[in-house]
Amino acid sequence: PRVLAKALEKQYEKAVVDWTYKDGHLTVSTSNVRELYFV
């Protein structure tokens, strides 16, 4: 997948989207992210 940080909890501060995709299982961890968008 493509995972996007659509909105942040606080703009202009560091935000991280970290994900793994294996055997159909998507696992995501975030920091300072308010909305996520998956394609």
PDB file of all heavy atoms in Angstrom:
ATOM      1  N   PRO A   1       0.814  -1.210   0.000  1.00  0.00           N
ATOM      2  CA  PRO A   1       0.000   0.000   0.000  1.00  0.00           C
ATOM      3  C   PRO A   1       0.852   1.266   0.000  1.00  0.00           C
ATOM      4  O   PRO A   1       2.060   1.219   0.230  1.00  0.00           O
ATOM      5  CB  PRO A   1      -0.760  -0.115   1.315  1.00  0.00           C
ATOM      6  CG  PRO A   1       0.240  -0.802   2.219  1.00  0.00           C
ATOM      7  CD  PRO A   1       1.016  -1.747   1.336  1.00  0.00           C
ATOM      8  N   ARG A   2       0.195   2.354  -0.250  1.00  0.00           N
ATOM      9  CA  ARG A   2       0.789   3.669  -0.087  1.00  0.00           C
ATOM     10  C   ARG A   2       0.059   4.321   1.090  1.00  0.00           C
ATOM     11  O   ARG A   2      -1.164   4.420   1.081  1.00  0.00           O
ATOM     12  CB  ARG A   2       0.589   4.469  -1.369  1.00  0.00           C
ATOM     13  CG  ARG A   2       1.296   5.801  -1.420  1.00  0.00           C
ATOM     14  CD  ARG A   2       1.033   6.405  -2.791  1.00  0.00           C
ATOM     15  NE  ARG A   2       1.642   7.703  -2.933  1.00  0.00           N
ATOM     16  CZ  ARG A   2       1.376   8.525  -3.942  1.00  0.00           C
ATOM     17  NH1 ARG A   2       0.509   8.164  -4.860  1.00  0.00           N
ATOM     18  NH2 ARG A   2       1.960   9.692  -4.033  1.00  0.00           N
ATOM     19  N   VAL A   3       0.791   4.745   2.098  1.00  0.00           N
ATOM     20  CA  VAL A   3       0.190   5.284   3.317  1.00  0.00           C
ATOM     21  C   VAL A   3       0.612   6.741   3.456  1.00  0.00           C
ATOM     22  O   VAL A   3       1.814   7.038   3.490  1.00  0.00           O
ATOM     23  CB  VAL A   3       0.629   4.475   4.559  1.00  0.00           C
ATOM     24  CG1 VAL A   3      -0.111   4.971   5.792  1.00  0.00           C
ATOM     25  CG2 VAL A   3       0.374   2.988   4.347  1.00  0.00           C
ATOM     26  N   LEU A   4      -0.355   7.653   3.530  1.00  0.00           N
ATOM     27  CA  LEU A   4      -0.069   9.079   3.529  1.00  0.00           C
ATOM     28  C   LEU A   4      -0.570   9.737   4.801  1.00  0.00           C
ATOM     29  O   LEU A   4      -1.627   9.383   5.324  1.00  0.00           O
ATOM     30  CB  LEU A   4      -0.733   9.743   2.324  1.00  0.00           C
ATOM     31  CG  LEU A   4      -0.425   9.143   0.955  1.00  0.00           C
ATOM     32  CD1 LEU A   4      -1.226   9.840  -0.121  1.00  0.00           C
ATOM     33  CD2 LEU A   4       1.057   9.247   0.651  1.00  0.00           C
ATOM     34  N   ALA A   5       0.183  10.724   5.279  1.00  0.00           N
ATOM     35  CA  ALA A   5      -0.231  11.531   6.430  1.00  0.00           C
ATOM     36  C   ALA A   5      -1.108  12.664   5.913  1.00  0.00           C
ATOM     37  O   ALA A   5      -0.617  13.721   5.527  1.00  0.00           O
ATOM     38  CB  ALA A   5       0.994  12.074   7.162  1.00  0.00           C
ATOM     39  N   LYS A   6      -2.419  12.447   5.898  1.00  0.00           N
ATOM     40  CA  LYS A   6      -3.347  13.414   5.304  1.00  0.00           C
ATOM     41  C   LYS A   6      -3.461  14.685   6.134  1.00  0.00           C
ATOM     42  O   LYS A   6      -3.642  15.786   5.618  1.00  0.00           O
ATOM     43  CB  LYS A   6      -4.718  12.781   5.142  1.00  0.00           C
ATOM     44  CG  LYS A   6      -5.715  13.622   4.370  1.00  0.00           C
ATOM     45  CD  LYS A   6      -7.031  12.877   4.181  1.00  0.00           C
ATOM     46  CE  LYS A   6      -7.975  13.664   3.292  1.00  0.00           C
ATOM     47  NZ  LYS A   6      -8.371  14.935   3.887  1.00  0.00           N
ATOM     48  N   ALA A   7      -3.374  14.552   7.458  1.00  0.00           N
ATOM     49  CA  ALA A   7      -3.414  15.704   8.359  1.00  0.00           C
ATOM     50  C   ALA A   7      -2.558  15.393   9.576  1.00  0.00           C
ATOM     51  O   ALA A   7      -2.451  14.235   9.989  1.00  0.00           O
ATOM     52  CB  ALA A   7      -4.847  16.029   8.780  1.00  0.00           C
ATOM     53  N   LEU A   8      -1.951  16.437  10.139  1.00  0.00           N
ATOM     54  CA  LEU A   8      -1.078  16.270  11.295  1.00  0.00           C
ATOM     55  C   LEU A   8      -1.748  16.805  12.550  1.00  0.00           C
ATOM     56  O   LEU A   8      -2.647  17.645  12.495  1.00  0.00           O
ATOM     57  CB  LEU A   8       0.245  17.008  11.073  1.00  0.00           C
ATOM     58  CG  LEU A   8       1.017  16.697   9.789  1.00  0.00           C
ATOM     59  CD1 LEU A   8       2.360  17.421   9.805  1.00  0.00           C
ATOM     60  CD2 LEU A   8       1.201  15.201   9.598  1.00  0.00           C
ATOM     61  N   GLU A   9      -1.291  16.317  13.691  1.00  0.00           N
ATOM     62  CA  GLU A   9      -1.783  16.869  14.948  1.00  0.00           C
ATOM     63  C   GLU A   9      -1.227  18.265  15.177  1.00  0.00           C
ATOM     64  O   GLU A   9      -1.897  19.139  15.718  1.00  0.00           O
ATOM     65  CB  GLU A   9      -1.404  15.947  16.115  1.00  0.00           C
ATOM     66  CG  GLU A   9      -2.143  14.613  16.078  1.00  0.00           C
ATOM     67  CD  GLU A   9      -1.776  13.715  17.222  1.00  0.00           C
ATOM     68  OE1 GLU A   9      -0.661  13.874  17.794  1.00  0.00           O
ATOM     69  OE2 GLU A   9      -2.590  12.837  17.578  1.00  0.00           O
ATOM     70  N   LYS A  10       0.011  18.491  14.736  1.00  0.00           N
ATOM     71  CA  LYS A  10       0.609  19.815  14.834  1.00  0.00           C
ATOM     72  C   LYS A  10       1.532  20.013  13.634  1.00  0.00           C
ATOM     73  O   LYS A  10       2.583  19.380  13.521  1.00  0.00           O
ATOM     74  CB  LYS A  10       1.384  19.989  16.139  1.00  0.00           C
ATOM     75  CG  LYS A  10       1.852  21.410  16.379  1.00  0.00           C
ATOM     76  CD  LYS A  10       2.355  21.619  17.806  1.00  0.00           C
ATOM     77  CE  LYS A  10       1.216  21.787  18.778  1.00  0.00           C
ATOM     78  NZ  LYS A  10       1.689  22.245  20.113  1.00  0.00           N
ATOM     79  N   GLN A  11       1.117  20.912  12.735  1.00  0.00           N
ATOM     80  CA  GLN A  11       1.887  21.159  11.525  1.00  0.00           C
ATOM     81  C   GLN A  11       3.221  21.827  11.848  1.00  0.00           C
ATOM     82  O   GLN A  11       3.343  22.557  12.823  1.00  0.00           O
ATOM     83  CB  GLN A  11       1.088  22.053  10.579  1.00  0.00           C
ATOM     84  CG  GLN A  11       1.733  22.232   9.217  1.00  0.00           C
ATOM     85  CD  GLN A  11       0.780  22.824   8.206  1.00  0.00           C
ATOM     86  OE1 GLN A  11      -0.084  22.139   7.698  1.00  0.00           O
ATOM     87  NE2 GLN A  11       0.941  24.102   7.900  1.00  0.00           N
ATOM     88  N   TYR A  12       4.220  21.559  11.017  1.00  0.00           N
ATOM     89  CA  TYR A  12       5.587  22.071  11.123  1.00  0.00           C
ATOM     90  C   TYR A  12       6.387  21.414  12.247  1.00  0.00           C
ATOM     91  O   TYR A  12       7.498  21.828  12.542  1.00  0.00           O
ATOM     92  CB  TYR A  12       5.621  23.605  11.274  1.00  0.00           C
ATOM     93  CG  TYR A  12       4.906  24.321  10.150  1.00  0.00           C
ATOM     94  CD1 TYR A  12       3.840  25.162  10.402  1.00  0.00           C
ATOM     95  CD2 TYR A  12       5.299  24.138   8.825  1.00  0.00           C
ATOM     96  CE1 TYR A  12       3.171  25.807   9.371  1.00  0.00           C
ATOM     97  CE2 TYR A  12       4.642  24.768   7.792  1.00  0.00           C
ATOM     98  CZ  TYR A  12       3.580  25.612   8.062  1.00  0.00           C
ATOM     99  OH  TYR A  12       2.916  26.243   7.035  1.00  0.00           O
ATOM    100  N   GLU A  13       5.818  20.387  12.882  1.00  0.00           N
ATOM    101  CA  GLU A  13       6.584  19.547  13.791  1.00  0.00           C
ATOM    102  C   GLU A  13       6.734  18.166  13.152  1.00  0.00           C
ATOM    103  O   GLU A  13       5.913  17.755  12.330  1.00  0.00           O
ATOM    104  CB  GLU A  13       5.906  19.454  15.165  1.00  0.00           C
ATOM    105  CG  GLU A  13       5.883  20.783  15.905  1.00  0.00           C
ATOM    106  CD  GLU A  13       5.435  20.657  17.343  1.00  0.00           C
ATOM    107  OE1 GLU A  13       5.249  19.498  17.812  1.00  0.00           O
ATOM    108  OE2 GLU A  13       5.251  21.699  18.002  1.00  0.00           O
ATOM    109  N   LYS A  14       7.768  17.444  13.534  1.00  0.00           N
ATOM    110  CA  LYS A  14       8.103  16.178  12.886  1.00  0.00           C
ATOM    111  C   LYS A  14       6.981  15.152  13.029  1.00  0.00           C
ATOM    112  O   LYS A  14       6.487  14.905  14.126  1.00  0.00           O
ATOM    113  CB  LYS A  14       9.392  15.620  13.481  1.00  0.00           C
ATOM    114  CG  LYS A  14       9.878  14.325  12.834  1.00  0.00           C
ATOM    115  CD  LYS A  14      11.174  13.876  13.481  1.00  0.00           C
ATOM    116  CE  LYS A  14      11.687  12.586  12.870  1.00  0.00           C
ATOM    117  NZ  LYS A  14      12.956  12.152  13.501  1.00  0.00           N
ATOM    118  N   ALA A  15       6.584  14.582  11.902  1.00  0.00           N
ATOM    119  CA  ALA A  15       5.583  13.515  11.878  1.00  0.00           C
ATOM    120  C   ALA A  15       6.183  12.312  11.152  1.00  0.00           C
ATOM    121  O   ALA A  15       6.901  12.471  10.166  1.00  0.00           O
ATOM    122  CB  ALA A  15       4.312  13.976  11.184  1.00  0.00           C
ATOM    123  N   VAL A  16       5.882  11.111  11.636  1.00  0.00           N
ATOM    124  CA  VAL A  16       6.451   9.888  11.059  1.00  0.00           C
ATOM    125  C   VAL A  16       5.336   8.881  10.800  1.00  0.00           C
ATOM    126  O   VAL A  16       4.458   8.681  11.640  1.00  0.00           O
ATOM    127  CB  VAL A  16       7.495   9.262  12.007  1.00  0.00           C
ATOM    128  CG1 VAL A  16       8.080   7.986  11.380  1.00  0.00           C
ATOM    129  CG2 VAL A  16       8.602  10.253  12.330  1.00  0.00           C
ATOM    130  N   VAL A  17       5.368   8.263   9.619  1.00  0.00           N
ATOM    131  CA  VAL A  17       4.526   7.117   9.308  1.00  0.00           C
ATOM    132  C   VAL A  17       5.469   5.978   8.952  1.00  0.00           C
ATOM    133  O   VAL A  17       6.220   6.060   7.993  1.00  0.00           O
ATOM    134  CB  VAL A  17       3.568   7.400   8.129  1.00  0.00           C
ATOM    135  CG1 VAL A  17       2.664   6.197   7.894  1.00  0.00           C
ATOM    136  CG2 VAL A  17       2.733   8.636   8.400  1.00  0.00           C
ATOM    137  N   ASP A  18       5.428   4.913   9.757  1.00  0.00           N
ATOM    138  CA  ASP A  18       6.353   3.787   9.602  1.00  0.00           C
ATOM    139  C   ASP A  18       5.501   2.527   9.460  1.00  0.00           C
ATOM    140  O   ASP A  18       4.712   2.216  10.346  1.00  0.00           O
ATOM    141  CB  ASP A  18       7.266   3.702  10.827  1.00  0.00           C
ATOM    142  CG  ASP A  18       8.483   2.818  10.593  1.00  0.00           C
ATOM    143  OD1 ASP A  18       8.375   1.868   9.789  1.00  0.00           O
ATOM    144  OD2 ASP A  18       9.521   3.058  11.217  1.00  0.00           O
ATOM    145  N   TRP A  19       5.634   1.828   8.308  1.00  0.00           N
ATOM    146  CA  TRP A  19       4.777   0.668   8.134  1.00  0.00           C
ATOM    147  C   TRP A  19       5.496  -0.493   7.475  1.00  0.00           C
ATOM    148  O   TRP A  19       6.475  -0.320   6.760  1.00  0.00           O
ATOM    149  CB  TRP A  19       3.519   1.022   7.355  1.00  0.00           C
ATOM    150  CG  TRP A  19       3.649   1.266   5.888  1.00  0.00           C
ATOM    151  CD1 TRP A  19       3.453   0.364   4.875  1.00  0.00           C
ATOM    152  CD2 TRP A  19       3.971   2.498   5.234  1.00  0.00           C
ATOM    153  NE1 TRP A  19       3.621   0.953   3.651  1.00  0.00           N
ATOM    154  CE2 TRP A  19       3.930   2.269   3.836  1.00  0.00           C
ATOM    155  CE3 TRP A  19       4.264   3.789   5.693  1.00  0.00           C
ATOM    156  CZ2 TRP A  19       4.200   3.261   2.911  1.00  0.00           C
ATOM    157  CZ3 TRP A  19       4.525   4.774   4.771  1.00  0.00           C
ATOM    158  CH2 TRP A  19       4.492   4.513   3.395  1.00  0.00           C
ATOM    159  N   THR A  20       5.000  -1.676   7.779  1.00  0.00           N
ATOM    160  CA  THR A  20       5.465  -2.896   7.132  1.00  0.00           C
ATOM    161  C   THR A  20       4.272  -3.583   6.489  1.00  0.00           C
ATOM    162  O   THR A  20       3.134  -3.485   6.980  1.00  0.00           O
ATOM    163  CB  THR A  20       6.120  -3.867   8.138  1.00  0.00           C
ATOM    164  OG1 THR A  20       5.176  -4.184   9.173  1.00  0.00           O
ATOM    165  CG2 THR A  20       7.355  -3.259   8.756  1.00  0.00           C
ATOM    166  N   TYR A  21       4.528  -4.239   5.379  1.00  0.00           N
ATOM    167  CA  TYR A  21       3.483  -4.973   4.674  1.00  0.00           C
ATOM    168  C   TYR A  21       4.047  -6.327   4.283  1.00  0.00           C
ATOM    169  O   TYR A  21       4.983  -6.410   3.488  1.00  0.00           O
ATOM    170  CB  TYR A  21       3.023  -4.198   3.442  1.00  0.00           C
ATOM    171  CG  TYR A  21       1.855  -4.847   2.737  1.00  0.00           C
ATOM    172  CD1 TYR A  21       0.578  -4.782   3.291  1.00  0.00           C
ATOM    173  CD2 TYR A  21       2.033  -5.517   1.531  1.00  0.00           C
ATOM    174  CE1 TYR A  21      -0.498  -5.376   2.656  1.00  0.00           C
ATOM    175  CE2 TYR A  21       0.960  -6.116   0.891  1.00  0.00           C
ATOM    176  CZ  TYR A  21      -0.297  -6.042   1.458  1.00  0.00           C
ATOM    177  OH  TYR A  21      -1.365  -6.634   0.833  1.00  0.00           O
ATOM    178  N   LYS A  22       3.498  -7.380   4.891  1.00  0.00           N
ATOM    179  CA  LYS A  22       4.027  -8.721   4.655  1.00  0.00           C
ATOM    180  C   LYS A  22       2.878  -9.721   4.674  1.00  0.00           C
ATOM    181  O   LYS A  22       2.066  -9.728   5.606  1.00  0.00           O
ATOM    182  CB  LYS A  22       5.064  -9.077   5.718  1.00  0.00           C
ATOM    183  CG  LYS A  22       5.785 -10.392   5.472  1.00  0.00           C
ATOM    184  CD  LYS A  22       6.880 -10.614   6.502  1.00  0.00           C
ATOM    185  CE  LYS A  22       7.645 -11.909   6.210  1.00  0.00           C
ATOM    186  NZ  LYS A  22       8.720 -12.133   7.217  1.00  0.00           N
ATOM    187  N   ASP A  23       2.816 -10.548   3.651  1.00  0.00           N
ATOM    188  CA  ASP A  23       1.796 -11.601   3.552  1.00  0.00           C
ATOM    189  C   ASP A  23       0.387 -11.052   3.729  1.00  0.00           C
ATOM    190  O   ASP A  23      -0.480 -11.698   4.336  1.00  0.00           O
ATOM    191  CB  ASP A  23       2.061 -12.693   4.594  1.00  0.00           C
ATOM    192  CG  ASP A  23       3.410 -13.370   4.397  1.00  0.00           C
ATOM    193  OD1 ASP A  23       3.849 -13.467   3.227  1.00  0.00           O
ATOM    194  OD2 ASP A  23       4.023 -13.770   5.401  1.00  0.00           O
ATOM    195  N   GLY A  24       0.141  -9.820   3.207  1.00  0.00           N
ATOM    196  CA  GLY A  24      -1.192  -9.247   3.279  1.00  0.00           C
ATOM    197  C   GLY A  24      -1.516  -8.536   4.580  1.00  0.00           C
ATOM    198  O   GLY A  24      -2.619  -7.998   4.740  1.00  0.00           O
ATOM    199  N   HIS A  25      -0.581  -8.514   5.518  1.00  0.00           N
ATOM    200  CA  HIS A  25      -0.811  -7.862   6.807  1.00  0.00           C
ATOM    201  C   HIS A  25      -0.095  -6.508   6.827  1.00  0.00           C
ATOM    202  O   HIS A  25       1.131  -6.445   6.658  1.00  0.00           O
ATOM    203  CB  HIS A  25      -0.305  -8.734   7.956  1.00  0.00           C
ATOM    204  CG  HIS A  25      -1.014 -10.048   8.048  1.00  0.00           C
ATOM    205  ND1 HIS A  25      -2.274 -10.184   8.594  1.00  0.00           N
ATOM    206  CD2 HIS A  25      -0.640 -11.289   7.627  1.00  0.00           C
ATOM    207  CE1 HIS A  25      -2.645 -11.451   8.535  1.00  0.00           C
ATOM    208  NE2 HIS A  25      -1.664 -12.140   7.948  1.00  0.00           N
ATOM    209  N   LEU A  26      -0.849  -5.456   7.032  1.00  0.00           N
ATOM    210  CA  LEU A  26      -0.312  -4.099   7.077  1.00  0.00           C
ATOM    211  C   LEU A  26      -0.256  -3.626   8.519  1.00  0.00           C
ATOM    212  O   LEU A  26      -1.277  -3.586   9.218  1.00  0.00           O
ATOM    213  CB  LEU A  26      -1.194  -3.152   6.261  1.00  0.00           C
ATOM    214  CG  LEU A  26      -0.836  -1.666   6.294  1.00  0.00           C
ATOM    215  CD1 LEU A  26       0.542  -1.424   5.689  1.00  0.00           C
ATOM    216  CD2 LEU A  26      -1.896  -0.843   5.556  1.00  0.00           C
ATOM    217  N   THR A  27       0.941  -3.268   8.976  1.00  0.00           N
ATOM    218  CA  THR A  27       1.135  -2.797  10.352  1.00  0.00           C
ATOM    219  C   THR A  27       1.766  -1.423  10.304  1.00  0.00           C
ATOM    220  O   THR A  27       2.835  -1.241   9.704  1.00  0.00           O
ATOM    221  CB  THR A  27       2.038  -3.755  11.143  1.00  0.00           C
ATOM    222  OG1 THR A  27       1.481  -5.076  11.102  1.00  0.00           O
ATOM    223  CG2 THR A  27       2.150  -3.304  12.597  1.00  0.00           C
ATOM    224  N   VAL A  28       1.089  -0.432  10.914  1.00  0.00           N
ATOM    225  CA  VAL A  28       1.509   0.956  10.823  1.00  0.00           C
ATOM    226  C   VAL A  28       1.727   1.532  12.214  1.00  0.00           C
ATOM    227  O   VAL A  28       0.932   1.293  13.132  1.00  0.00           O
ATOM    228  CB  VAL A  28       0.443   1.814  10.098  1.00  0.00           C
ATOM    229  CG1 VAL A  28       0.949   3.233   9.889  1.00  0.00           C
ATOM    230  CG2 VAL A  28       0.039   1.181   8.782  1.00  0.00           C
ATOM    231  N   SER A  29       2.798   2.290  12.367  1.00  0.00           N
ATOM    232  CA  SER A  29       2.987   3.082  13.589  1.00  0.00           C
ATOM    233  C   SER A  29       3.162   4.540  13.169  1.00  0.00           C
ATOM    234  O   SER A  29       3.763   4.829  12.138  1.00  0.00           O
ATOM    235  CB  SER A  29       4.199   2.601  14.392  1.00  0.00           C
ATOM    236  OG  SER A  29       5.395   2.774  13.654  1.00  0.00           O
ATOM    237  N   THR A  30       2.612   5.461  13.978  1.00  0.00           N
ATOM    238  CA  THR A  30       2.634   6.873  13.614  1.00  0.00           C
ATOM    239  C   THR A  30       3.081   7.734  14.781  1.00  0.00           C
ATOM    240  O   THR A  30       3.033   7.326  15.940  1.00  0.00           O
ATOM    241  CB  THR A  30       1.236   7.352  13.170  1.00  0.00           C
ATOM    242  OG1 THR A  30       0.358   7.391  14.313  1.00  0.00           O
ATOM    243  CG2 THR A  30       0.654   6.464  12.101  1.00  0.00           C
ATOM    244  N   SER A  31       3.477   8.942  14.427  1.00  0.00           N
ATOM    245  CA  SER A  31       3.802   9.967  15.418  1.00  0.00           C
ATOM    246  C   SER A  31       3.359  11.305  14.866  1.00  0.00           C
ATOM    247  O   SER A  31       3.701  11.655  13.726  1.00  0.00           O
ATOM    248  CB  SER A  31       5.315   9.967  15.701  1.00  0.00           C
ATOM    249  OG  SER A  31       5.672  11.051  16.535  1.00  0.00           O
ATOM    250  N   ASN A  32       2.572  12.063  15.627  1.00  0.00           N
ATOM    251  CA  ASN A  32       2.086  13.395  15.244  1.00  0.00           C
ATOM    252  C   ASN A  32       1.246  13.355  13.967  1.00  0.00           C
ATOM    253  O   ASN A  32       1.289  14.261  13.154  1.00  0.00           O
ATOM    254  CB  ASN A  32       3.261  14.377  15.074  1.00  0.00           C
ATOM    255  CG  ASN A  32       2.800  15.817  14.873  1.00  0.00           C
ATOM    256  OD1 ASN A  32       1.797  16.247  15.418  1.00  0.00           O
ATOM    257  ND2 ASN A  32       3.529  16.572  14.066  1.00  0.00           N
ATOM    258  N   VAL A  33       0.449  12.308  13.802  1.00  0.00           N
ATOM    259  CA  VAL A  33      -0.425  12.186  12.640  1.00  0.00           C
ATOM    260  C   VAL A  33      -1.882  12.177  13.103  1.00  0.00           C
ATOM    261  O   VAL A  33      -2.242  11.450  14.024  1.00  0.00           O
ATOM    262  CB  VAL A  33      -0.119  10.906  11.836  1.00  0.00           C
ATOM    263  CG1 VAL A  33      -1.078  10.773  10.660  1.00  0.00           C
ATOM    264  CG2 VAL A  33       1.319  10.935  11.335  1.00  0.00           C
ATOM    265  N   ARG A  34      -2.695  12.966  12.429  1.00  0.00           N
ATOM    266  CA  ARG A  34      -4.118  13.099  12.766  1.00  0.00           C
ATOM    267  C   ARG A  34      -5.019  12.296  11.823  1.00  0.00           C
ATOM    268  O   ARG A  34      -6.031  11.752  12.243  1.00  0.00           O
ATOM    269  CB  ARG A  34      -4.501  14.579  12.706  1.00  0.00           C
ATOM    270  CG  ARG A  34      -5.926  14.904  13.113  1.00  0.00           C
ATOM    271  CD  ARG A  34      -6.106  16.413  13.095  1.00  0.00           C
ATOM    272  NE  ARG A  34      -7.441  16.824  13.469  1.00  0.00           N
ATOM    273  CZ  ARG A  34      -7.809  18.103  13.635  1.00  0.00           C
ATOM    274  NH1 ARG A  34      -6.926  19.060  13.454  1.00  0.00           N
ATOM    275  NH2 ARG A  34      -9.033  18.400  13.963  1.00  0.00           N
ATOM    276  N   GLU A  35      -4.657  12.240  10.551  1.00  0.00           N
ATOM    277  CA  GLU A  35      -5.416  11.464   9.571  1.00  0.00           C
ATOM    278  C   GLU A  35      -4.466  10.683   8.684  1.00  0.00           C
ATOM    279  O   GLU A  35      -3.395  11.171   8.308  1.00  0.00           O
ATOM    280  CB  GLU A  35      -6.283  12.375   8.688  1.00  0.00           C
ATOM    281  CG  GLU A  35      -7.500  12.940   9.388  1.00  0.00           C
ATOM    282  CD  GLU A  35      -8.442  13.623   8.398  1.00  0.00           C
ATOM    283  OE1 GLU A  35      -8.533  13.162   7.239  1.00  0.00           O
ATOM    284  OE2 GLU A  35      -9.066  14.616   8.777  1.00  0.00           O
ATOM    285  N   LEU A  36      -4.870   9.462   8.352  1.00  0.00           N
ATOM    286  CA  LEU A  36      -4.110   8.615   7.443  1.00  0.00           C
ATOM    287  C   LEU A  36      -4.961   8.285   6.230  1.00  0.00           C
ATOM    288  O   LEU A  36      -6.184   8.151   6.330  1.00  0.00           O
ATOM    289  CB  LEU A  36      -3.709   7.306   8.125  1.00  0.00           C
ATOM    290  CG  LEU A  36      -2.566   7.352   9.131  1.00  0.00           C
ATOM    291  CD1 LEU A  36      -2.446   5.994   9.811  1.00  0.00           C
ATOM    292  CD2 LEU A  36      -1.253   7.733   8.477  1.00  0.00           C
ATOM    293  N   TYR A  37      -4.299   8.144   5.102  1.00  0.00           N
ATOM    294  CA  TYR A  37      -4.990   7.808   3.864  1.00  0.00           C
ATOM    295  C   TYR A  37      -4.219   6.690   3.190  1.00  0.00           C
ATOM    296  O   TYR A  37      -3.003   6.798   2.986  1.00  0.00           O
ATOM    297  CB  TYR A  37      -5.062   9.048   2.972  1.00  0.00           C
ATOM    298  CG  TYR A  37      -5.901   8.892   1.745  1.00  0.00           C
ATOM    299  CD1 TYR A  37      -7.293   8.903   1.823  1.00  0.00           C
ATOM    300  CD2 TYR A  37      -5.309   8.748   0.493  1.00  0.00           C
ATOM    301  CE1 TYR A  37      -8.074   8.772   0.680  1.00  0.00           C
ATOM    302  CE2 TYR A  37      -6.083   8.617  -0.647  1.00  0.00           C
ATOM    303  CZ  TYR A  37      -7.465   8.628  -0.544  1.00  0.00           C
ATOM    304  OH  TYR A  37      -8.231   8.501  -1.669  1.00  0.00           O
ATOM    305  N   PHE A  38      -4.898   5.598   2.877  1.00  0.00           N
ATOM    306  CA  PHE A  38      -4.261   4.444   2.251  1.00  0.00           C
ATOM    307  C   PHE A  38      -4.739   4.321   0.805  1.00  0.00           C
ATOM    308  O   PHE A  38      -5.932   4.403   0.530  1.00  0.00           O
ATOM    309  CB  PHE A  38      -4.650   3.155   2.970  1.00  0.00           C
ATOM    310  CG  PHE A  38      -4.274   3.098   4.422  1.00  0.00           C
ATOM    311  CD1 PHE A  38      -5.062   3.703   5.381  1.00  0.00           C
ATOM    312  CD2 PHE A  38      -3.120   2.449   4.826  1.00  0.00           C
ATOM    313  CE1 PHE A  38      -4.720   3.652   6.721  1.00  0.00           C
ATOM    314  CE2 PHE A  38      -2.767   2.392   6.156  1.00  0.00           C
ATOM    315  CZ  PHE A  38      -3.571   2.989   7.111  1.00  0.00           C
ATOM    316  N   VAL A  39      -3.806   4.117  -0.102  1.00  0.00           N
ATOM    317  CA  VAL A  39      -4.127   3.714  -1.469  1.00  0.00           C
ATOM    318  C   VAL A  39      -3.484   2.361  -1.668  1.00  0.00           C
ATOM    319  O   VAL A  39      -2.265   2.224  -1.534  1.00  0.00           O
ATOM    320  CB  VAL A  39      -3.599   4.727  -2.506  1.00  0.00           C
ATOM    321  CG1 VAL A  39      -3.956   4.275  -3.911  1.00  0.00           C
ATOM    322  CG2 VAL A  39      -4.168   6.110  -2.229  1.00  0.00           C
TER     323      VAL A  39
END
